[in-house]
Amino acid sequence: MAVDYEGYLKNVGHFGWTQLRIWFLVSLAEIPASWAIMIMVFIAAKPNWTCMDNINPDSDSDLTYSAANTSSALILSSSSAQNVSFGKISSCSTAKQCMNLTYESDKSSIVTEWDLICEKNYVGALITTIQMGGMLVGACIVGQLADVWGRKKTFYTVYTLMILLGFCSAFANTWQLFAVIRFFIGACLAGLLVVNFVLPMEFVGPRWRVLFAMQFWCVGIMLLPLPAYFISNWRHLCMATSLPGLLLLATWWLVPESPRWLAMQGRVEEAGHVLQWLADSNNVKTFTVDYDILKQVAKVERDKVSTVRAYSYWDLCRTPTLAKVTAILGYAWFVNSAVYYGLSLNVKHLSGNKYLNIFISGVVEIPALLAVYFIDAFGGGRRISMFSFMMFSGVASLCIQFINMAGKYEELEDVVTVLAMLGKFGVSGSWSLAYIYAAEAYPTNARNLGIGANSMMGRVGGMLAPQLVFLDSITKSLPFVIFGVLGISSALLLLLLPETARKPLPDAMPSWSWCKTQTPGTVERNELDQLNSDCGVQTHKLQIDNQDDINPEQVLVNGNAIL
């Protein structure tokens, strides 16, 4: 009987200190990756400002300004009389040019550099959206590149490009050029997240994959306030958060190429050397590479991938139940991404110390991830757990609107901050479970399609997040209202999904058929069987525990990443 890669890896050792070291070194890349996203909170900060042009309060005409016309002149709009005083304007006024603009902050940002206020107020959020769009493009391109070029080469290439582009962004002389650079940073960042998840996964057995999915993204968020606090110039901050990342390139000689990828490319001898090295490192004395068996393993894995690539995204709607899973889960990924990034970026609008708030927003992710791990370890259900996390996040966010309706928003600012952090806790746990659920909900030979489709929906949600945060300019509670409505609606829809934890999974895609999934008068069956059994396709009886049936290749093909 042919042995697949998972079975062969058992002979080497599913887990050891060497695998742990590989995971640790590769996961360190998530620290500068998280900085690349969250740095926009600081470098796009909008300080208070005043316009100190000469104003004649006795004039019957509108406010007048110097007739000089320079590139730095700012057109102000949307005036209100109470914001005008002799010689000083602290908000936008009626279509006049301000030639003497002063910012009330000792820290520079792209806002103070290019006067991105009033009619340019939208630019900061737009740049972040553009970067998120780069993530959508990069995840698809780099995922395919890693199949052809190799996990290790792709990982270190996109990581190096991300670091260098982050450094180069400090020298942008216009906000348009800065936005273009951020787009490519986003593309490299998303590609990095794809490969840095898959690469260590191909060194460990299935039971360890849930644990290895816990990476260092939140650690990066926790560390970012430190350089941001001490560095006043936004250009210097871009450099300071980029150049130290070059140190990680030294790990090139400590991280081997994926033996699975090597074997699938016909480089069986190189794959054998890596596996033998793993066995020796794990002190497995009985293992010796059998290259004939390893060639059979490579053939089995290639056959799996070729079967998977025979399907398209349309096949995710072959039956009513499968279409329902795809639609609801896609919406859940969209909501998770929009709410997660929205709450993360909206930290800048919360009361209190901005640096401390961002640190706490990273801290709250740790108990969420630990909760997911222990729920999985003790046999908790995916559907109810994901529902609970998402509902918790939605209710916490919506409670902020109730505070605003009571006219207590300013008075209870600390409570608002606590509720926002609780919302971040809930969505962090929900998104981790959403990945696990997506990996279990689809038939084996279409799992990568399902994860890829949901991942793209997540990227769209990420692109929307900065615009939701921008709605703070209308009213401070509005972003939280949207986060709450999205979270609660997604949570309720999740209850319509079948449970997948430790249930038999469909072994193959069903035929195209919108036949009934249940016959009146019969006893209720396992909901997951409805994906196939009613349309004539049998399910295998393998009990899935800790993603035992999940192949890392299926995550990579469509460029998926958890964040």
Protein backbone atom coordinates (compact mmCIF):
# COMPACT_ATOMS: atom_id res chain seq x y z
CA MET A 1 0.00 0.00 0.00
CA ALA A 2 1.37 3.44 -0.96
CA VAL A 3 2.41 5.62 1.95
CA ASP A 4 1.78 9.36 1.92
CA TYR A 5 4.07 11.99 3.42
CA GLU A 6 2.23 12.03 6.75
CA GLY A 7 2.70 8.32 7.21
CA TYR A 8 6.37 8.41 6.24
CA LEU A 9 7.06 11.32 8.61
CA LYS A 10 6.03 9.12 11.54
CA ASN A 11 9.25 7.16 11.08
CA VAL A 12 11.28 10.34 11.48
CA GLY A 13 9.40 11.72 14.46
CA HIS A 14 6.37 13.99 14.30
CA PHE A 15 7.81 16.47 16.74
CA GLY A 16 11.19 17.26 18.27
CA TRP A 17 13.44 20.11 19.29
CA THR A 18 14.64 20.54 15.71
CA GLN A 19 11.10 21.05 14.42
CA LEU A 20 10.48 23.45 17.29
CA ARG A 21 13.58 25.44 16.36
CA ILE A 22 12.51 25.65 12.69
CA TRP A 23 9.05 26.85 13.72
CA PHE A 24 10.53 29.44 16.10
CA LEU A 25 12.98 30.89 13.57
CA VAL A 26 10.44 31.07 10.77
CA SER A 27 7.74 32.52 13.04
CA LEU A 28 10.04 35.36 14.09
CA ALA A 29 9.30 36.90 10.69
CA GLU A 30 5.80 37.71 11.91
CA ILE A 31 7.17 40.41 14.22
CA PRO A 32 8.32 42.77 11.43
CA ALA A 33 5.31 41.62 9.40
CA SER A 34 2.89 42.85 12.07
CA TRP A 35 4.85 46.09 12.29
CA ALA A 36 4.35 46.62 8.56
CA ILE A 37 0.58 46.72 9.15
CA MET A 38 0.29 48.36 12.55
CA ILE A 39 2.90 51.07 11.91
CA MET A 40 0.20 53.00 10.05
CA VAL A 41 -1.38 53.75 13.44
CA PHE A 42 1.65 55.90 14.24
CA ILE A 43 2.92 57.23 10.92
CA ALA A 44 -0.60 58.24 9.80
CA ALA A 45 -1.48 59.84 13.15
CA LYS A 46 -3.55 63.05 12.92
CA PRO A 47 -2.53 65.59 15.57
CA ASN A 48 -4.49 68.70 16.47
CA TRP A 49 -3.63 71.68 14.28
CA THR A 50 -4.14 75.41 14.03
CA CYS A 51 -4.03 77.89 11.16
CA MET A 52 -2.30 81.14 12.23
CA ASP A 53 -3.02 83.31 9.18
CA ASN A 54 -3.92 86.98 9.67
CA ILE A 55 -7.66 87.30 10.21
CA ASN A 56 -9.60 90.55 10.51
CA PRO A 57 -12.54 89.92 12.85
CA ASP A 58 -14.15 93.28 11.93
CA SER A 59 -14.34 92.50 8.24
CA ASP A 60 -17.81 91.99 6.76
CA SER A 61 -16.45 89.56 4.22
CA ASP A 62 -15.49 85.96 4.61
CA LEU A 63 -12.10 85.03 6.06
CA THR A 64 -9.26 86.24 3.87
CA TYR A 65 -5.81 84.75 3.44
CA SER A 66 -2.63 85.62 1.71
CA ALA A 67 -2.99 85.57 -2.05
CA ALA A 68 0.32 83.78 -2.37
CA ASN A 69 -0.03 80.39 -4.00
CA THR A 70 2.50 77.72 -3.02
CA SER A 71 2.50 73.95 -3.20
CA SER A 72 2.11 73.76 0.57
CA ALA A 73 -1.06 75.84 0.62
CA LEU A 74 -3.97 74.00 2.18
CA ILE A 75 -7.59 74.39 1.03
CA LEU A 76 -9.87 74.29 4.07
CA SER A 77 -13.53 73.36 3.97
CA SER A 78 -16.59 72.72 6.15
CA SER A 79 -16.38 75.71 8.49
CA SER A 80 -18.30 76.42 11.64
CA ALA A 81 -18.27 79.88 13.18
CA GLN A 82 -17.41 78.75 16.68
CA ASN A 83 -14.08 77.41 15.46
CA VAL A 84 -12.89 80.83 14.24
CA SER A 85 -11.08 83.35 16.43
CA PHE A 86 -8.73 86.26 15.83
CA GLY A 87 -5.59 84.97 14.19
CA LYS A 88 -6.40 81.29 14.81
CA ILE A 89 -8.47 78.56 13.17
CA SER A 90 -8.62 75.08 14.67
CA SER A 91 -10.90 73.37 12.18
CA CYS A 92 -11.64 73.45 8.47
CA SER A 93 -13.24 76.71 7.20
CA THR A 94 -14.97 77.81 4.00
CA ALA A 95 -12.78 77.15 1.00
CA LYS A 96 -9.82 79.30 2.04
CA GLN A 97 -6.11 78.76 1.79
CA CYS A 98 -4.10 78.42 4.98
CA MET A 99 -0.48 79.45 4.54
CA ASN A 100 0.66 79.12 8.16
CA LEU A 101 -0.39 75.73 9.45
CA THR A 102 0.90 74.54 12.83
CA TYR A 103 0.55 71.02 14.29
CA GLU A 104 0.27 70.57 18.04
CA SER A 105 2.49 67.50 18.32
CA ASP A 106 6.18 66.81 18.82
CA LYS A 107 5.96 63.76 16.52
CA SER A 108 5.87 63.94 12.75
CA SER A 109 3.70 61.77 10.52
CA ILE A 110 2.68 61.57 6.89
CA VAL A 111 -0.22 63.83 7.89
CA THR A 112 2.05 66.60 9.12
CA GLU A 113 4.50 66.00 6.26
CA TRP A 114 1.97 66.38 3.44
CA ASP A 115 -0.86 68.24 5.25
CA LEU A 116 -3.34 65.38 4.93
CA ILE A 117 -6.23 67.14 6.66
CA CYS A 118 -9.57 68.59 5.60
CA GLU A 119 -10.16 67.65 1.95
CA LYS A 120 -7.18 65.26 2.18
CA ASN A 121 -8.39 63.73 5.41
CA TYR A 122 -9.19 60.43 3.69
CA VAL A 123 -5.65 59.75 2.45
CA GLY A 124 -4.34 57.95 5.56
CA ALA A 125 -7.16 55.39 5.46
CA LEU A 126 -6.81 55.10 1.68
CA ILE A 127 -3.12 54.21 1.95
CA THR A 128 -3.91 51.45 4.46
CA THR A 129 -6.64 50.11 2.15
CA ILE A 130 -4.18 50.11 -0.73
CA GLN A 131 -1.75 48.11 1.38
CA MET A 132 -4.50 45.61 2.18
CA GLY A 133 -5.20 45.35 -1.54
CA GLY A 134 -1.56 44.46 -2.02
CA MET A 135 -2.05 41.63 0.46
CA LEU A 136 -4.86 40.21 -1.67
CA VAL A 137 -2.68 40.22 -4.78
CA GLY A 138 0.46 38.99 -3.02
CA ALA A 139 -1.20 36.03 -1.34
CA CYS A 140 -2.32 34.64 -4.70
CA ILE A 141 0.96 35.24 -6.54
CA VAL A 142 3.42 34.17 -3.85
CA GLY A 143 1.39 31.07 -3.01
CA GLN A 144 1.90 29.81 -6.55
CA LEU A 145 5.54 30.91 -6.58
CA ALA A 146 6.31 28.80 -3.52
CA ASP A 147 5.03 25.72 -5.36
CA VAL A 148 7.48 26.30 -8.20
CA TRP A 149 10.47 27.95 -6.61
CA GLY A 150 10.45 26.32 -3.19
CA ARG A 151 9.26 27.22 0.30
CA LYS A 152 12.58 28.39 1.68
CA LYS A 153 13.68 30.56 -1.26
CA THR A 154 10.27 32.16 -1.53
CA PHE A 155 10.08 32.81 2.21
CA TYR A 156 13.42 34.58 2.44
CA THR A 157 12.93 36.46 -0.85
CA VAL A 158 9.57 38.01 0.03
CA TYR A 159 10.78 38.68 3.57
CA THR A 160 13.86 40.54 2.30
CA LEU A 161 11.75 42.54 -0.17
CA MET A 162 9.30 43.47 2.59
CA ILE A 163 12.13 44.73 4.80
CA LEU A 164 13.83 46.70 2.00
CA LEU A 165 10.56 48.24 0.81
CA GLY A 166 9.74 49.25 4.38
CA PHE A 167 13.09 51.01 4.57
CA CYS A 168 12.61 52.66 1.16
CA SER A 169 9.17 53.97 2.17
CA ALA A 170 10.98 56.37 4.51
CA PHE A 171 12.30 58.24 1.46
CA ALA A 172 8.98 58.77 -0.35
CA ASN A 173 8.56 62.42 -1.32
CA THR A 174 4.82 62.32 -2.02
CA TRP A 175 1.95 60.46 -0.44
CA GLN A 176 1.13 58.89 -3.80
CA LEU A 177 4.58 57.31 -4.03
CA PHE A 178 4.30 56.24 -0.40
CA ALA A 179 0.98 54.51 -1.19
CA VAL A 180 2.54 52.61 -4.11
CA ILE A 181 5.36 51.37 -1.88
CA ARG A 182 2.87 50.29 0.80
CA PHE A 183 0.98 48.28 -1.83
CA PHE A 184 4.07 46.21 -2.59
CA ILE A 185 4.86 45.90 1.12
CA GLY A 186 1.38 44.42 1.54
CA ALA A 187 1.98 42.00 -1.33
CA CYS A 188 5.23 40.78 0.22
CA LEU A 189 3.66 40.64 3.68
CA ALA A 190 0.79 38.41 2.55
CA GLY A 191 3.13 36.13 0.66
CA LEU A 192 5.30 35.87 3.75
CA LEU A 193 2.31 34.86 5.88
CA VAL A 194 1.48 32.11 3.41
CA VAL A 195 4.90 30.49 3.39
CA ASN A 196 5.89 31.05 7.01
CA PHE A 197 2.78 29.08 8.00
CA VAL A 198 3.26 26.22 5.56
CA LEU A 199 7.05 25.74 5.81
CA PRO A 200 7.23 24.63 9.49
CA MET A 201 3.99 22.65 9.10
CA GLU A 202 5.68 20.33 6.60
CA PHE A 203 8.17 19.27 9.27
CA VAL A 204 5.67 18.14 11.94
CA GLY A 205 2.90 15.59 12.28
CA PRO A 206 -0.81 16.50 12.18
CA ARG A 207 -1.40 16.52 15.94
CA TRP A 208 1.03 19.41 16.40
CA ARG A 209 -0.35 21.69 13.69
CA VAL A 210 -2.89 23.49 15.85
CA LEU A 211 -0.11 24.36 18.29
CA PHE A 212 2.24 25.44 15.51
CA ALA A 213 -0.46 27.71 14.08
CA MET A 214 0.11 29.97 17.10
CA GLN A 215 2.72 32.37 15.84
CA PHE A 216 4.31 35.68 16.80
CA TRP A 217 1.95 38.20 15.20
CA CYS A 218 0.61 39.38 18.55
CA VAL A 219 4.17 39.61 19.94
CA GLY A 220 5.00 42.08 17.17
CA ILE A 221 1.98 44.20 18.06
CA MET A 222 3.09 44.22 21.68
CA LEU A 223 6.63 45.33 20.80
CA LEU A 224 5.81 48.06 18.25
CA PRO A 225 4.87 50.78 20.81
CA LEU A 226 8.45 50.74 22.15
CA PRO A 227 10.23 52.18 19.08
CA ALA A 228 7.17 54.29 18.24
CA TYR A 229 7.35 55.97 21.66
CA PHE A 230 11.01 56.94 21.46
CA ILE A 231 11.23 57.85 17.75
CA SER A 232 9.55 61.14 16.84
CA ASN A 233 10.19 61.26 13.10
CA TRP A 234 7.98 58.99 11.00
CA ARG A 235 10.74 58.40 8.46
CA HIS A 236 13.13 57.27 11.16
CA LEU A 237 10.42 54.98 12.54
CA CYS A 238 10.05 53.29 9.13
CA MET A 239 13.80 52.69 9.10
CA ALA A 240 13.92 51.49 12.72
CA THR A 241 11.17 48.93 12.19
CA SER A 242 12.73 47.62 8.98
CA LEU A 243 16.50 47.36 9.29
CA PRO A 244 16.61 45.16 12.45
CA GLY A 245 14.62 42.58 10.48
CA LEU A 246 17.67 41.97 8.30
CA LEU A 247 19.20 40.06 11.23
CA LEU A 248 16.70 37.26 10.60
CA LEU A 249 18.36 36.58 7.25
CA ALA A 250 21.15 34.90 9.19
CA THR A 251 18.75 32.04 9.89
CA TRP A 252 19.00 30.96 6.24
CA TRP A 253 21.66 28.42 7.21
CA LEU A 254 19.55 27.08 10.09
CA VAL A 255 16.28 26.43 8.21
CA PRO A 256 16.27 23.59 5.63
CA GLU A 257 14.03 23.37 2.59
CA SER A 258 10.78 21.44 3.03
CA PRO A 259 11.50 17.73 2.42
CA ARG A 260 7.98 17.31 1.11
CA TRP A 261 8.49 19.97 -1.57
CA LEU A 262 11.91 18.54 -2.47
CA ALA A 263 10.46 15.07 -2.93
CA MET A 264 7.58 16.33 -5.06
CA GLN A 265 10.08 18.12 -7.33
CA GLY A 266 11.96 14.88 -7.91
CA ARG A 267 14.85 15.93 -5.68
CA VAL A 268 14.47 12.76 -3.63
CA GLU A 269 18.09 12.56 -2.52
CA GLU A 270 17.99 16.07 -1.03
CA ALA A 271 14.68 15.28 0.68
CA GLY A 272 16.24 12.12 2.10
CA HIS A 273 19.16 14.09 3.55
CA VAL A 274 16.78 16.47 5.33
CA LEU A 275 14.65 13.63 6.71
CA GLN A 276 17.73 11.76 7.91
CA TRP A 277 18.95 14.93 9.59
CA LEU A 278 15.57 15.30 11.33
CA ALA A 279 15.69 11.68 12.52
CA ASP A 280 19.21 12.09 13.87
CA SER A 281 18.24 15.35 15.60
CA ASN A 282 15.24 13.63 17.17
CA ASN A 283 17.49 10.76 18.27
CA VAL A 284 15.57 8.22 16.17
CA LYS A 285 18.24 5.55 15.76
CA THR A 286 16.09 3.10 13.83
CA PHE A 287 15.41 5.35 10.85
CA THR A 288 17.35 5.09 7.61
CA VAL A 289 16.11 6.71 4.42
CA ASP A 290 14.70 4.25 1.89
CA TYR A 291 14.82 6.17 -1.38
CA ASP A 292 12.52 3.74 -3.21
CA ILE A 293 9.79 4.28 -0.64
CA LEU A 294 10.46 8.02 -0.66
CA LYS A 295 9.91 8.08 -4.43
CA GLN A 296 6.54 6.37 -3.90
CA VAL A 297 5.68 8.95 -1.25
CA ALA A 298 6.50 11.75 -3.69
CA LYS A 299 4.24 10.18 -6.33
CA VAL A 300 1.34 9.91 -3.87
CA GLU A 301 1.72 13.59 -2.94
CA ARG A 302 1.91 14.69 -6.57
CA ASP A 303 -1.24 12.72 -7.34
CA LYS A 304 -3.03 14.49 -4.47
CA VAL A 305 -2.12 17.92 -5.77
CA SER A 306 -3.07 17.11 -9.37
CA THR A 307 -6.46 15.87 -8.18
CA VAL A 308 -7.01 19.03 -6.15
CA ARG A 309 -6.16 21.29 -9.07
CA ALA A 310 -8.78 19.60 -11.24
CA TYR A 311 -11.50 21.63 -9.49
CA SER A 312 -12.49 25.30 -9.59
CA TYR A 313 -14.24 27.65 -7.18
CA TRP A 314 -17.58 26.88 -8.85
CA ASP A 315 -17.29 23.35 -7.49
CA LEU A 316 -17.74 24.72 -3.97
CA CYS A 317 -21.46 25.09 -4.79
CA ARG A 318 -22.13 21.60 -6.11
CA THR A 319 -24.81 20.85 -3.50
CA PRO A 320 -27.09 23.11 -1.43
CA THR A 321 -25.30 22.22 1.80
CA LEU A 322 -21.86 22.78 0.31
CA ALA A 323 -23.01 26.11 -1.15
CA LYS A 324 -24.40 27.12 2.25
CA VAL A 325 -21.11 26.28 3.96
CA THR A 326 -19.17 28.27 1.36
CA ALA A 327 -21.42 31.34 1.62
CA ILE A 328 -21.65 31.47 5.42
CA LEU A 329 -18.00 30.65 6.00
CA GLY A 330 -16.93 33.19 3.36
CA TYR A 331 -18.97 35.85 5.16
CA ALA A 332 -17.44 34.79 8.48
CA TRP A 333 -13.93 35.24 7.09
CA PHE A 334 -14.90 38.63 5.67
CA VAL A 335 -16.26 39.71 9.06
CA ASN A 336 -13.33 38.30 11.02
CA SER A 337 -10.84 40.21 8.90
CA ALA A 338 -12.83 43.47 8.83
CA VAL A 339 -13.44 43.43 12.59
CA TYR A 340 -9.95 42.23 13.55
CA TYR A 341 -8.09 44.85 11.52
CA GLY A 342 -10.76 47.44 12.26
CA LEU A 343 -10.41 47.06 16.02
CA SER A 344 -6.62 46.92 15.70
CA LEU A 345 -6.36 50.14 13.66
CA ASN A 346 -9.08 51.91 15.66
CA VAL A 347 -6.95 51.73 18.80
CA LYS A 348 -5.60 55.18 17.87
CA HIS A 349 -9.06 56.66 18.52
CA LEU A 350 -9.44 55.22 22.02
CA SER A 351 -8.88 57.27 25.15
CA GLY A 352 -5.81 56.92 27.29
CA ASN A 353 -2.22 56.26 26.30
CA LYS A 354 -2.08 55.18 22.65
CA TYR A 355 1.10 53.17 23.15
CA LEU A 356 -0.30 51.27 26.10
CA ASN A 357 -3.55 50.59 24.24
CA ILE A 358 -1.73 49.04 21.29
CA PHE A 359 0.35 46.91 23.65
CA ILE A 360 -2.81 45.65 25.35
CA SER A 361 -4.45 44.96 21.98
CA GLY A 362 -1.61 42.52 21.31
CA VAL A 363 -1.76 40.99 24.78
CA VAL A 364 -5.46 40.09 24.51
CA GLU A 365 -4.73 37.84 21.54
CA ILE A 366 -2.63 35.47 23.65
CA PRO A 367 -5.45 34.20 25.91
CA ALA A 368 -7.70 33.97 22.85
CA LEU A 369 -5.23 31.68 21.05
CA LEU A 370 -4.65 29.63 24.19
CA ALA A 371 -8.40 29.25 24.60
CA VAL A 372 -8.66 27.93 21.04
CA TYR A 373 -5.90 25.42 21.71
CA PHE A 374 -7.46 24.10 24.92
CA ILE A 375 -10.93 23.99 23.39
CA ASP A 376 -9.49 21.80 20.65
CA ALA A 377 -7.48 19.68 23.11
CA PHE A 378 -10.52 18.98 25.28
CA GLY A 379 -12.86 18.15 22.43
CA GLY A 380 -14.83 21.38 22.09
CA GLY A 381 -17.06 21.87 19.05
CA ARG A 382 -15.95 24.17 16.27
CA ARG A 383 -19.34 25.70 15.46
CA ILE A 384 -20.40 26.62 19.01
CA SER A 385 -16.90 27.83 19.92
CA MET A 386 -16.67 30.05 16.85
CA PHE A 387 -20.21 31.31 17.47
CA SER A 388 -19.34 32.15 21.08
CA PHE A 389 -16.15 34.04 20.23
CA MET A 390 -17.78 36.02 17.42
CA MET A 391 -20.94 36.80 19.40
CA PHE A 392 -18.78 37.95 22.33
CA SER A 393 -16.86 40.29 20.04
CA GLY A 394 -20.02 41.66 18.43
CA VAL A 395 -21.84 42.29 21.71
CA ALA A 396 -18.79 43.96 23.26
CA SER A 397 -18.51 46.30 20.26
CA LEU A 398 -22.22 47.08 20.14
CA CYS A 399 -22.29 47.92 23.86
CA ILE A 400 -20.17 50.96 23.04
CA GLN A 401 -23.07 52.36 21.01
CA PHE A 402 -25.38 51.95 24.01
CA ILE A 403 -22.92 54.00 26.05
CA ASN A 404 -22.95 56.66 23.32
CA MET A 405 -26.77 56.68 23.19
CA ALA A 406 -26.82 57.31 26.93
CA GLY A 407 -24.60 60.35 26.39
CA LYS A 408 -21.82 58.81 28.48
CA TYR A 409 -19.17 58.22 25.80
CA GLU A 410 -16.76 60.88 27.08
CA GLU A 411 -17.47 60.10 30.72
CA LEU A 412 -16.96 56.33 30.31
CA GLU A 413 -14.00 56.42 27.92
CA ASP A 414 -12.12 53.82 29.97
CA VAL A 415 -15.09 51.45 29.74
CA VAL A 416 -15.15 51.98 25.96
CA THR A 417 -11.47 51.01 25.79
CA VAL A 418 -12.10 47.86 27.82
CA LEU A 419 -15.03 46.85 25.61
CA ALA A 420 -12.92 47.42 22.48
CA MET A 421 -10.19 45.15 23.87
CA LEU A 422 -12.77 42.48 24.71
CA GLY A 423 -14.01 42.70 21.14
CA LYS A 424 -10.45 42.18 19.92
CA PHE A 425 -10.14 39.12 22.18
CA GLY A 426 -13.31 37.62 20.74
CA VAL A 427 -12.48 38.15 17.08
CA SER A 428 -8.94 36.79 17.56
CA GLY A 429 -10.33 33.50 18.81
CA SER A 430 -13.03 33.42 16.16
CA TRP A 431 -10.60 33.90 13.28
CA SER A 432 -8.32 31.12 14.49
CA LEU A 433 -11.28 28.75 14.68
CA ALA A 434 -12.53 29.89 11.28
CA TYR A 435 -9.35 28.59 9.69
CA ILE A 436 -9.67 25.22 11.44
CA TYR A 437 -13.33 24.94 10.48
CA ALA A 438 -12.63 25.75 6.84
CA ALA A 439 -9.98 23.04 6.76
CA GLU A 440 -12.48 20.47 8.03
CA ALA A 441 -15.67 21.51 6.25
CA TYR A 442 -14.66 20.74 2.65
CA PRO A 443 -14.01 17.42 0.93
CA THR A 444 -10.36 16.37 0.98
CA ASN A 445 -9.69 17.02 -2.69
CA ALA A 446 -11.29 20.49 -2.60
CA ARG A 447 -10.03 21.69 0.77
CA ASN A 448 -7.47 24.06 -0.68
CA LEU A 449 -10.20 25.64 -2.85
CA GLY A 450 -12.40 26.23 0.16
CA ILE A 451 -9.61 27.76 2.22
CA GLY A 452 -8.46 29.85 -0.73
CA ALA A 453 -11.95 31.22 -1.39
CA ASN A 454 -12.43 32.11 2.26
CA SER A 455 -8.98 33.67 2.43
CA MET A 456 -9.84 36.01 -0.46
CA MET A 457 -13.00 37.06 1.35
CA GLY A 458 -10.85 37.79 4.37
CA ARG A 459 -8.57 40.01 2.30
CA VAL A 460 -11.59 41.96 1.05
CA GLY A 461 -12.66 42.48 4.65
CA GLY A 462 -9.16 43.71 5.46
CA MET A 463 -9.39 46.27 2.64
CA LEU A 464 -12.67 47.56 4.08
CA ALA A 465 -11.39 47.83 7.67
CA PRO A 466 -9.49 51.16 7.31
CA GLN A 467 -12.55 52.77 5.76
CA LEU A 468 -14.71 51.62 8.68
CA VAL A 469 -12.19 53.14 11.08
CA PHE A 470 -12.33 56.39 9.06
CA LEU A 471 -16.05 56.64 9.93
CA ASP A 472 -14.86 57.78 13.36
CA SER A 473 -14.76 61.26 11.80
CA ILE A 474 -18.59 61.17 11.64
CA THR A 475 -19.14 59.89 15.15
CA LYS A 476 -16.77 58.00 17.42
CA SER A 477 -19.14 55.12 18.06
CA LEU A 478 -20.05 54.45 14.41
CA PRO A 479 -17.15 52.02 13.68
CA PHE A 480 -18.10 50.00 16.75
CA VAL A 481 -21.73 49.84 15.64
CA ILE A 482 -20.64 48.32 12.34
CA PHE A 483 -18.21 45.92 14.05
CA GLY A 484 -21.00 44.83 16.38
CA VAL A 485 -23.60 44.31 13.66
CA LEU A 486 -21.12 42.39 11.50
CA GLY A 487 -20.03 40.20 14.41
CA ILE A 488 -23.51 39.35 15.68
CA SER A 489 -24.91 38.66 12.19
CA SER A 490 -21.97 36.38 11.40
CA ALA A 491 -22.31 34.56 14.72
CA LEU A 492 -25.99 33.82 14.13
CA LEU A 493 -25.31 32.53 10.62
CA LEU A 494 -22.62 30.21 11.98
CA LEU A 495 -25.32 28.30 13.85
CA LEU A 496 -26.62 27.12 10.48
CA LEU A 497 -23.37 25.29 9.73
CA PRO A 498 -22.78 21.60 10.51
CA GLU A 499 -20.40 20.59 13.27
CA THR A 500 -17.06 19.31 11.97
CA ALA A 501 -14.97 18.51 15.04
CA ARG A 502 -14.03 14.81 15.10
CA LYS A 503 -16.64 13.95 12.49
CA PRO A 504 -16.19 11.87 9.31
CA LEU A 505 -15.20 14.11 6.44
CA PRO A 506 -16.24 13.68 2.79
CA ASP A 507 -13.55 11.91 0.83
CA ALA A 508 -14.38 13.31 -2.61
CA MET A 509 -16.33 16.07 -4.28
CA PRO A 510 -19.99 15.21 -4.92
CA SER A 511 -21.58 15.26 -8.34
CA TRP A 512 -23.37 18.42 -9.41
CA SER A 513 -26.79 17.99 -7.83
CA TRP A 514 -29.12 20.20 -5.87
CA CYS A 515 -31.01 17.20 -4.52
CA LYS A 516 -32.75 17.26 -1.15
CA THR A 517 -30.43 16.78 1.76
CA GLN A 518 -32.99 15.14 4.03
CA THR A 519 -35.99 12.90 3.48
CA PRO A 520 -39.15 13.71 5.48
CA GLY A 521 -39.96 11.16 8.13
CA THR A 522 -36.42 9.83 8.50
CA VAL A 523 -34.23 10.19 11.56
CA GLU A 524 -31.88 13.14 11.59
CA ARG A 525 -28.42 12.26 10.32
CA ASN A 526 -25.01 13.77 10.84
CA GLU A 527 -25.25 17.19 9.20
CA LEU A 528 -21.82 16.88 7.68
CA ASP A 529 -22.89 13.76 5.76
CA GLN A 530 -25.37 15.95 3.89
CA LEU A 531 -22.45 17.38 1.95
CA ASN A 532 -22.27 14.15 -0.01
CA SER A 533 -24.25 11.14 1.13
CA ASP A 534 -27.63 12.27 -0.22
CA CYS A 535 -26.05 12.79 -3.62
CA GLY A 536 -24.50 9.37 -3.79
CA VAL A 537 -20.99 10.04 -2.49
CA GLN A 538 -19.71 8.14 0.52
CA THR A 539 -17.68 9.58 3.36
CA HIS A 540 -14.68 7.92 4.93
CA LYS A 541 -14.69 7.17 8.64
CA LEU A 542 -11.39 8.69 9.63
CA GLN A 543 -11.81 10.62 12.84
CA ILE A 544 -10.21 14.03 12.46
CA ASP A 545 -8.42 15.22 15.56
CA ASN A 546 -6.19 18.29 15.54
CA GLN A 547 -6.39 18.56 11.76
CA ASP A 548 -5.02 15.04 11.12
CA ASP A 549 -6.41 15.13 7.58
CA ILE A 550 -5.13 18.58 6.71
CA ASN A 551 -2.27 18.79 4.25
CA PRO A 552 -0.12 21.93 4.34
CA GLU A 553 0.05 21.91 0.54
CA GLN A 554 -3.68 22.49 0.44
CA VAL A 555 -3.22 25.71 2.37
CA LEU A 556 -0.48 26.95 0.07
CA VAL A 557 -1.96 26.31 -3.36
CA ASN A 558 -4.37 29.24 -3.19
CA GLY A 559 -2.15 31.44 -1.09
CA ASN A 560 -3.96 31.26 2.25
CA ALA A 561 -2.73 32.61 5.52
CA ILE A 562 -4.44 32.85 8.93
CA LEU A 563 -3.99 36.73 9.29
